Amino acid sequence: QVQLVESGGGVVEPGGSLKLSCVASGDTAGIAAMSWYRHPPGKQRQLQLVASINSGGRITYHDSVKGRFTISSDFAKDTIYLQMDALKPEDTDVYLCNAQRYLADNWGRGTQVPVSS
């Protein structure tokens, strides 16, 4: 099993920046990709992929964050980051870290990002 711990969340004003971190521990060998998720607006029972990076360095972003968020990784440290700039109130959510290992999903508990003036 893989354990994931997110950090870096907190209250931020619109237009501000935050950097989230997610550290993986446990059975981390074989992790193929790590990602950040949140909920689509008004749909708390669904998850929306925010950004993903795989072990080959391929990166994917949701259209709503392109140009504002940057995902990066240090796979030697089993850690990914999400630099969030130009934050908007609609970015407010709990951000969840995911690690795919041998086609199984592993999840962290999330870190809250309230964007409010």
N, C-alpha and C. Protein backbone atom coordinates (compact mmCIF):
# COMPACT_ATOMS: atom_id res chain seq x y z
N GLN A 1 0.83 -1.20 0.00
CA GLN A 1 0.00 0.00 0.00
C GLN A 1 0.86 1.25 0.00
N VAL A 2 0.26 2.30 -0.55
CA VAL A 2 0.94 3.59 -0.60
C VAL A 2 0.18 4.56 0.30
N GLN A 3 0.90 5.23 1.15
CA GLN A 3 0.31 6.29 1.98
C GLN A 3 0.69 7.63 1.38
N LEU A 4 -0.27 8.53 1.31
CA LEU A 4 -0.06 9.85 0.73
C LEU A 4 -0.45 10.91 1.75
N VAL A 5 0.41 11.90 1.91
CA VAL A 5 0.13 13.00 2.84
C VAL A 5 0.30 14.31 2.11
N GLU A 6 -0.79 15.07 2.06
CA GLU A 6 -0.76 16.39 1.41
C GLU A 6 -0.50 17.47 2.44
N SER A 7 0.09 18.57 1.97
CA SER A 7 0.28 19.74 2.83
C SER A 7 0.35 20.98 1.95
N GLY A 8 0.30 22.13 2.61
CA GLY A 8 0.45 23.39 1.89
C GLY A 8 -0.83 24.18 1.69
N GLY A 9 -1.97 23.59 2.05
CA GLY A 9 -3.21 24.32 1.89
C GLY A 9 -3.36 25.44 2.90
N GLY A 10 -4.35 26.27 2.66
CA GLY A 10 -4.60 27.38 3.57
C GLY A 10 -5.39 28.47 2.87
N VAL A 11 -5.86 29.42 3.67
CA VAL A 11 -6.66 30.51 3.12
C VAL A 11 -5.78 31.43 2.29
N VAL A 12 -6.27 31.79 1.12
CA VAL A 12 -5.53 32.68 0.23
C VAL A 12 -6.51 33.62 -0.45
N GLU A 13 -6.10 34.83 -0.72
CA GLU A 13 -6.96 35.80 -1.39
C GLU A 13 -6.97 35.55 -2.89
N PRO A 14 -8.04 35.95 -3.55
CA PRO A 14 -8.05 35.84 -5.02
C PRO A 14 -6.84 36.54 -5.62
N GLY A 15 -6.24 35.87 -6.60
CA GLY A 15 -5.03 36.38 -7.21
C GLY A 15 -3.75 35.92 -6.54
N GLY A 16 -3.89 35.29 -5.38
CA GLY A 16 -2.73 34.83 -4.64
C GLY A 16 -2.21 33.49 -5.12
N SER A 17 -1.19 33.00 -4.41
CA SER A 17 -0.52 31.75 -4.79
C SER A 17 -0.39 30.83 -3.59
N LEU A 18 -0.36 29.55 -3.88
CA LEU A 18 -0.06 28.52 -2.89
C LEU A 18 0.72 27.42 -3.57
N LYS A 19 1.51 26.69 -2.79
CA LYS A 19 2.20 25.52 -3.32
C LYS A 19 1.86 24.32 -2.45
N LEU A 20 1.21 23.34 -3.05
CA LEU A 20 0.85 22.12 -2.36
C LEU A 20 1.94 21.06 -2.55
N SER A 21 2.08 20.22 -1.55
CA SER A 21 3.02 19.09 -1.64
C SER A 21 2.29 17.81 -1.30
N CYS A 22 2.74 16.73 -1.89
CA CYS A 22 2.20 15.40 -1.58
C CYS A 22 3.38 14.44 -1.50
N VAL A 23 3.52 13.82 -0.33
CA VAL A 23 4.61 12.87 -0.12
C VAL A 23 4.05 11.47 -0.04
N ALA A 24 4.63 10.58 -0.81
CA ALA A 24 4.22 9.17 -0.79
C ALA A 24 5.18 8.36 0.06
N SER A 25 4.64 7.38 0.76
CA SER A 25 5.47 6.47 1.55
C SER A 25 4.85 5.07 1.47
N GLY A 26 5.57 4.10 1.98
CA GLY A 26 5.09 2.72 1.92
C GLY A 26 5.65 2.02 0.68
N ASP A 27 4.79 1.31 -0.02
CA ASP A 27 5.20 0.58 -1.23
C ASP A 27 5.21 1.51 -2.43
N THR A 28 6.20 2.38 -2.52
CA THR A 28 6.21 3.40 -3.57
C THR A 28 6.86 2.92 -4.87
N ALA A 29 7.59 1.84 -4.82
CA ALA A 29 8.19 1.32 -6.06
C ALA A 29 7.07 0.92 -7.00
N GLY A 30 7.15 1.34 -8.24
CA GLY A 30 6.14 0.99 -9.20
C GLY A 30 5.04 2.02 -9.38
N ILE A 31 5.16 3.14 -8.69
CA ILE A 31 4.18 4.22 -8.91
C ILE A 31 4.35 4.72 -10.34
N ALA A 32 3.25 4.68 -11.08
CA ALA A 32 3.32 5.06 -12.50
C ALA A 32 2.98 6.52 -12.72
N ALA A 33 2.14 7.07 -11.86
CA ALA A 33 1.72 8.46 -12.03
C ALA A 33 1.21 8.98 -10.71
N MET A 34 1.35 10.29 -10.52
CA MET A 34 0.78 10.94 -9.35
C MET A 34 0.01 12.16 -9.82
N SER A 35 -1.07 12.44 -9.15
CA SER A 35 -1.99 13.47 -9.64
C SER A 35 -2.60 14.24 -8.49
N TRP A 36 -3.19 15.38 -8.86
CA TRP A 36 -4.01 16.18 -7.95
C TRP A 36 -5.44 16.19 -8.48
N TYR A 37 -6.37 16.02 -7.58
CA TYR A 37 -7.80 16.04 -7.91
C TYR A 37 -8.51 17.04 -7.02
N ARG A 38 -9.67 17.48 -7.48
CA ARG A 38 -10.60 18.27 -6.66
C ARG A 38 -12.00 17.93 -7.15
N HIS A 39 -13.03 18.57 -6.61
CA HIS A 39 -14.39 18.28 -7.02
C HIS A 39 -14.83 19.28 -8.09
N PRO A 40 -15.56 18.84 -9.09
CA PRO A 40 -16.13 19.80 -10.05
C PRO A 40 -17.10 20.73 -9.33
N PRO A 41 -17.25 21.95 -9.81
CA PRO A 41 -18.15 22.90 -9.15
C PRO A 41 -19.54 22.32 -8.95
N GLY A 42 -20.03 22.35 -7.73
CA GLY A 42 -21.37 21.88 -7.44
C GLY A 42 -21.54 20.38 -7.48
N LYS A 43 -20.48 19.63 -7.59
CA LYS A 43 -20.58 18.17 -7.70
C LYS A 43 -19.63 17.51 -6.72
N GLN A 44 -20.03 17.51 -5.46
CA GLN A 44 -19.15 17.02 -4.42
C GLN A 44 -18.96 15.52 -4.44
N ARG A 45 -19.78 14.81 -5.21
CA ARG A 45 -19.62 13.36 -5.27
C ARG A 45 -18.75 12.92 -6.44
N GLN A 46 -18.25 13.89 -7.19
CA GLN A 46 -17.38 13.55 -8.30
C GLN A 46 -16.00 14.13 -8.07
N LEU A 47 -15.05 13.63 -8.80
CA LEU A 47 -13.69 14.16 -8.74
C LEU A 47 -13.26 14.63 -10.11
N GLN A 48 -12.49 15.69 -10.09
CA GLN A 48 -12.00 16.30 -11.32
C GLN A 48 -10.48 16.27 -11.29
N LEU A 49 -9.88 15.75 -12.34
CA LEU A 49 -8.42 15.76 -12.41
C LEU A 49 -7.94 17.18 -12.62
N VAL A 50 -7.08 17.65 -11.73
CA VAL A 50 -6.52 18.99 -11.84
C VAL A 50 -5.23 18.95 -12.65
N ALA A 51 -4.33 18.05 -12.25
CA ALA A 51 -3.05 17.92 -12.94
C ALA A 51 -2.46 16.56 -12.63
N SER A 52 -1.71 16.04 -13.58
CA SER A 52 -1.13 14.72 -13.43
C SER A 52 0.26 14.70 -14.04
N ILE A 53 1.13 13.91 -13.45
CA ILE A 53 2.47 13.72 -14.00
C ILE A 53 2.81 12.24 -13.86
N ASN A 54 3.34 11.66 -14.96
CA ASN A 54 3.69 10.25 -14.85
C ASN A 54 5.20 10.08 -14.71
N SER A 55 5.60 8.85 -14.54
CA SER A 55 7.02 8.59 -14.27
C SER A 55 7.91 8.95 -15.45
N GLY A 56 7.29 9.09 -16.63
CA GLY A 56 8.04 9.51 -17.81
C GLY A 56 8.07 11.01 -18.00
N GLY A 57 7.41 11.73 -17.08
CA GLY A 57 7.40 13.18 -17.14
C GLY A 57 6.25 13.78 -17.94
N ARG A 58 5.35 12.92 -18.43
CA ARG A 58 4.21 13.46 -19.18
C ARG A 58 3.25 14.16 -18.22
N ILE A 59 2.83 15.36 -18.60
CA ILE A 59 1.99 16.20 -17.74
C ILE A 59 0.66 16.49 -18.41
N THR A 60 -0.39 16.45 -17.62
CA THR A 60 -1.74 16.77 -18.09
C THR A 60 -2.37 17.77 -17.12
N TYR A 61 -3.09 18.74 -17.67
CA TYR A 61 -3.80 19.73 -16.86
C TYR A 61 -5.27 19.79 -17.26
N HIS A 62 -6.13 20.10 -16.28
CA HIS A 62 -7.50 20.44 -16.60
C HIS A 62 -7.49 21.82 -17.27
N ASP A 63 -8.40 22.01 -18.24
CA ASP A 63 -8.41 23.27 -18.97
C ASP A 63 -8.54 24.48 -18.05
N SER A 64 -9.26 24.34 -16.96
CA SER A 64 -9.53 25.49 -16.10
C SER A 64 -8.30 25.98 -15.33
N VAL A 65 -7.24 25.18 -15.30
CA VAL A 65 -6.04 25.58 -14.55
C VAL A 65 -4.83 25.80 -15.44
N LYS A 66 -4.95 25.53 -16.73
CA LYS A 66 -3.82 25.70 -17.63
C LYS A 66 -3.33 27.14 -17.60
N GLY A 67 -2.03 27.31 -17.49
CA GLY A 67 -1.44 28.64 -17.43
C GLY A 67 -1.39 29.22 -16.04
N ARG A 68 -2.08 28.60 -15.08
CA ARG A 68 -2.09 29.11 -13.70
C ARG A 68 -1.46 28.12 -12.72
N PHE A 69 -1.65 26.85 -12.95
CA PHE A 69 -1.11 25.82 -12.05
C PHE A 69 0.03 25.10 -12.74
N THR A 70 1.00 24.68 -11.94
CA THR A 70 2.14 23.93 -12.45
C THR A 70 2.40 22.74 -11.55
N ILE A 71 2.37 21.55 -12.13
CA ILE A 71 2.69 20.34 -11.38
C ILE A 71 4.15 19.98 -11.63
N SER A 72 4.80 19.53 -10.58
CA SER A 72 6.19 19.09 -10.71
C SER A 72 6.39 17.90 -9.78
N SER A 73 7.51 17.24 -9.99
CA SER A 73 7.73 16.03 -9.20
C SER A 73 9.19 15.87 -8.84
N ASP A 74 9.39 15.16 -7.78
CA ASP A 74 10.71 14.68 -7.39
C ASP A 74 10.50 13.22 -7.03
N PHE A 75 10.51 12.39 -8.06
CA PHE A 75 10.19 10.98 -7.82
C PHE A 75 11.23 10.29 -6.95
N ALA A 76 12.45 10.85 -6.92
CA ALA A 76 13.45 10.28 -6.02
C ALA A 76 13.02 10.44 -4.57
N LYS A 77 12.23 11.49 -4.30
CA LYS A 77 11.70 11.73 -2.96
C LYS A 77 10.24 11.31 -2.86
N ASP A 78 9.72 10.69 -3.92
CA ASP A 78 8.31 10.27 -3.93
C ASP A 78 7.39 11.44 -3.57
N THR A 79 7.66 12.57 -4.18
CA THR A 79 6.92 13.79 -3.86
C THR A 79 6.48 14.50 -5.13
N ILE A 80 5.26 15.01 -5.11
CA ILE A 80 4.84 15.91 -6.17
C ILE A 80 4.40 17.23 -5.56
N TYR A 81 4.38 18.24 -6.39
CA TYR A 81 4.01 19.59 -5.96
C TYR A 81 2.97 20.15 -6.93
N LEU A 82 2.20 21.10 -6.44
CA LEU A 82 1.28 21.83 -7.29
C LEU A 82 1.42 23.30 -6.96
N GLN A 83 2.08 24.04 -7.85
CA GLN A 83 2.19 25.48 -7.69
C GLN A 83 0.94 26.10 -8.29
N MET A 84 0.19 26.81 -7.45
CA MET A 84 -1.07 27.40 -7.89
C MET A 84 -0.94 28.91 -7.84
N ASP A 85 -1.04 29.55 -8.98
CA ASP A 85 -0.94 31.00 -9.09
C ASP A 85 -2.26 31.57 -9.61
N ALA A 86 -2.43 32.86 -9.44
CA ALA A 86 -3.63 33.55 -9.92
C ALA A 86 -4.89 32.80 -9.48
N LEU A 87 -4.93 32.47 -8.20
CA LEU A 87 -6.06 31.68 -7.69
C LEU A 87 -7.37 32.45 -7.77
N LYS A 88 -8.43 31.73 -8.04
CA LYS A 88 -9.77 32.29 -8.17
C LYS A 88 -10.67 31.69 -7.10
N PRO A 89 -11.74 32.38 -6.73
CA PRO A 89 -12.67 31.80 -5.75
C PRO A 89 -13.17 30.42 -6.16
N GLU A 90 -13.34 30.20 -7.45
CA GLU A 90 -13.82 28.89 -7.90
C GLU A 90 -12.79 27.78 -7.77
N ASP A 91 -11.55 28.12 -7.40
CA ASP A 91 -10.54 27.10 -7.12
C ASP A 91 -10.69 26.55 -5.70
N THR A 92 -11.55 27.18 -4.91
CA THR A 92 -11.77 26.72 -3.54
C THR A 92 -12.23 25.27 -3.53
N ASP A 93 -11.52 24.44 -2.79
CA ASP A 93 -11.88 23.03 -2.68
C ASP A 93 -10.88 22.31 -1.79
N VAL A 94 -11.12 21.05 -1.58
CA VAL A 94 -10.15 20.15 -0.96
C VAL A 94 -9.37 19.50 -2.10
N TYR A 95 -8.06 19.62 -2.06
CA TYR A 95 -7.22 19.06 -3.11
C TYR A 95 -6.66 17.72 -2.63
N LEU A 96 -6.93 16.70 -3.42
CA LEU A 96 -6.57 15.32 -3.06
C LEU A 96 -5.42 14.83 -3.93
N CYS A 97 -4.48 14.17 -3.31
CA CYS A 97 -3.37 13.57 -4.03
C CYS A 97 -3.69 12.11 -4.35
N ASN A 98 -3.31 11.71 -5.54
CA ASN A 98 -3.55 10.33 -5.99
C ASN A 98 -2.26 9.75 -6.54
N ALA A 99 -2.03 8.48 -6.25
CA ALA A 99 -0.89 7.76 -6.82
C ALA A 99 -1.41 6.48 -7.45
N GLN A 100 -1.07 6.29 -8.71
CA GLN A 100 -1.44 5.05 -9.41
C GLN A 100 -0.26 4.10 -9.37
N ARG A 101 -0.52 2.91 -8.84
CA ARG A 101 0.53 1.91 -8.75
C ARG A 101 -0.07 0.58 -9.17
N TYR A 102 0.45 0.02 -10.24
CA TYR A 102 -0.04 -1.25 -10.78
C TYR A 102 -1.56 -1.20 -10.97
N LEU A 103 -2.02 -0.10 -11.55
CA LEU A 103 -3.43 0.15 -11.90
C LEU A 103 -4.33 0.33 -10.68
N ALA A 104 -3.77 0.38 -9.49
CA ALA A 104 -4.58 0.63 -8.29
C ALA A 104 -4.41 2.09 -7.87
N ASP A 105 -5.52 2.69 -7.43
CA ASP A 105 -5.50 4.07 -6.98
C ASP A 105 -5.27 4.14 -5.48
N ASN A 106 -4.40 5.06 -5.08
CA ASN A 106 -4.16 5.34 -3.68
C ASN A 106 -4.43 6.82 -3.45
N TRP A 107 -5.07 7.14 -2.33
CA TRP A 107 -5.52 8.51 -2.09
C TRP A 107 -5.03 9.05 -0.75
N GLY A 108 -4.74 10.34 -0.76
CA GLY A 108 -4.49 11.03 0.49
C GLY A 108 -5.79 11.57 1.06
N ARG A 109 -5.69 12.21 2.22
CA ARG A 109 -6.89 12.76 2.87
C ARG A 109 -7.26 14.14 2.34
N GLY A 110 -6.33 14.79 1.68
CA GLY A 110 -6.61 16.09 1.09
C GLY A 110 -6.11 17.25 1.93
N THR A 111 -5.98 18.38 1.27
CA THR A 111 -5.62 19.63 1.94
C THR A 111 -6.56 20.72 1.42
N GLN A 112 -7.08 21.53 2.33
CA GLN A 112 -8.09 22.51 1.95
C GLN A 112 -7.45 23.78 1.40
N VAL A 113 -8.09 24.29 0.36
CA VAL A 113 -7.64 25.55 -0.24
C VAL A 113 -8.86 26.45 -0.37
N PRO A 114 -9.10 27.29 0.64
CA PRO A 114 -10.18 28.29 0.53
C PRO A 114 -9.62 29.56 -0.10
N VAL A 115 -10.23 29.99 -1.18
CA VAL A 115 -9.81 31.23 -1.85
C VAL A 115 -10.89 32.27 -1.57
N SER A 116 -10.54 33.23 -0.73
CA SER A 116 -11.55 34.19 -0.29
C SER A 116 -10.89 35.48 0.13
N SER A 117 -11.60 36.59 -0.13
CA SER A 117 -11.13 37.88 0.34
C SER A 117 -11.75 38.20 1.69
